[in-house]
Amino acid sequence: MPGLFDGFEGYYLPSGDDIDRALATAVVALDANVMLSLYRYNAQTVTDVLSVLEALGDRLVVPHQSLVEFHRNRLSVISNPGAALKELRDALEKSRSNADGALGRWAQQVAMDEPLLVRLRGDLKEALDSIETRAIQVVPDRISPDTPSDEDSVLTRLGTVLEGKVLPKPDESDWSAMVDEGKRRVSAKQPPGYLDAEKADLQAEGAAGDYIVYWQAVLHAADLGKDLLIVTNDQKEDWWWRKGSSFLGPRLEMVEEFRKQSEGRRLYLLRAPDLLKRSKKALSVLVSPDSAQDAERVAFKGENLWSSDGVTELLSRLRHEGLPQAAVVEEAAWLGGIIDRAAVYEICGYDSSRMLRGFTRPTSRITLELQDEGSVPAGVKPILEALYPDDVRTSGFRIPDEVVDILQDEQDLQPLIRYLESRNEPVIQLVFSEIETILGAELRPVARRSNGYWQSRTNAMGRALTGCGYQTRGVNVAEETLNLTRL
């Protein structure tokens, strides 16, 4: 008679002891992102991770596709200290300007003596200059993109640990079958890897990379008749069964698939921070208590975020090719991150009969080019994500939050903020031309096209208005008038 979990094996949540036993006995397969994360860890964490991997012995394997993705993305993951320093300097200069303006406005409100204001501004400049000077003096003990391979300590140490542990490259027919199955799964939203749909047409395997990594590991463990534990830093729902921020285990479909393929064996997933936490009990490997915390920092930090330089270069290349996606990205930013279908058609001048299928391919292609050049980190979110509320028709596009912040920062709204802070009326009516006079610059094109630009509380204009204590009461883009009311 069947038991409680017979036929429902995917719903069984393994205990800590279950996972420790798997670490001690199962085949352990590495995803590419675990190897790439070695370039983001501090030196002690790198040593500890490699020690744990070495302790796995012959049970450790690397699917061939993992190694393909490691070499493909390695340079884009390696940090560039020069670019980081430039970004810091730009941020400090922006902070200096914003703080100086705020000091000036505060001084007016409290009737501060000019000599005291001068001293405060001097203190501010000294503090920010000190931060910049110390940053310049730091000599980064990091590998750079131009470090020769035989001088790359991570590469040489990883090579030693993985010697003889890389699974063979699939033959052409097997590889083609895996690619076809991976693409089918993306269309069917079957795990793992279907959230990589934007990678279609960018590589030979398209969006099937995650599936190929998974399936090579599955076949190897099944052939050996062993449980399989995949170590991955991928935290998306197309790998994990998640409840909020908790990672419960592999997707149920994957557990069932492996059980059938291996005649009853068990599939486990483990993130790198948890691998380090369990190394002492499961593998008798002592690691620094700080290493798991460092690995957790890398897992959740904004390492894979767009930078200002990366966004600027992507938009520049789109414009150079005469593509309208640049304008769509910019307008999405000015609208707070999401642009609807109608606005896209208006910007692009598309006929209503035209489909939006493939609209994100140019941005995905250029993103990959920039990643290959090391200008954009591997793993950034697509700069244009198609929204499918009914799973059929694109309703619009979303851009990453950091891209919204980058592009909204281009227009200086400080003159408008100062103007509104000087007004005490409960209701203010402005015409667009008057706002442009206050700003000393033209409004964004979207301001004359969309009420949402003025009504949003998430874009730069909306934050500026609410920060001054006002909200949009009414806007008429046809008559170019804006009515504001006190909050």
Foldseek 3Di string as FASTA:
>chain_A
DDDPCVVPVLPDFDDPVRVLVCLQFFQEEEALVVLLCLQVFPPQLLVQLLVLLLLSPLSYAYEPLRVVVNVQQNQLSHDDLVVVLVQLVVVLVVVLVVVLLVLVLVCVVVVNDPVVSVVVNVVSVVVSVVVSVVSVPDDDPHDHSPPDQVRHVSNVSVCVSCVPRYDDDDPPVVLVVLLVVLVVCLLVVAADQVVQQLQAPQDPSRSSSRSSRVVSQLLVRLVVLGEYEYEDLDDDPRFADDDVPDGRWGDSVSQVVSCVSNVHHGYGYHYSLVSSVSCCVSRVRDGDPCSSVSSVCSSPPVSQEDDLVNLVVLLVVCVVVVHQVSVQLLVCLLLQFKDFPVVSCVSRVDDPVDACVPVLNSQSNVQSVCSSVNNGHPPHDRQWDFDDPPSPGTGTTGGDNVSSVSSLVPQDCSLVLSVLLVDDDQKDKDAQVRSCVSSVHHDDPVLLVDPSSQQDCNHPNNVSQVVSQWHWPDADSVRRMTMIGGD
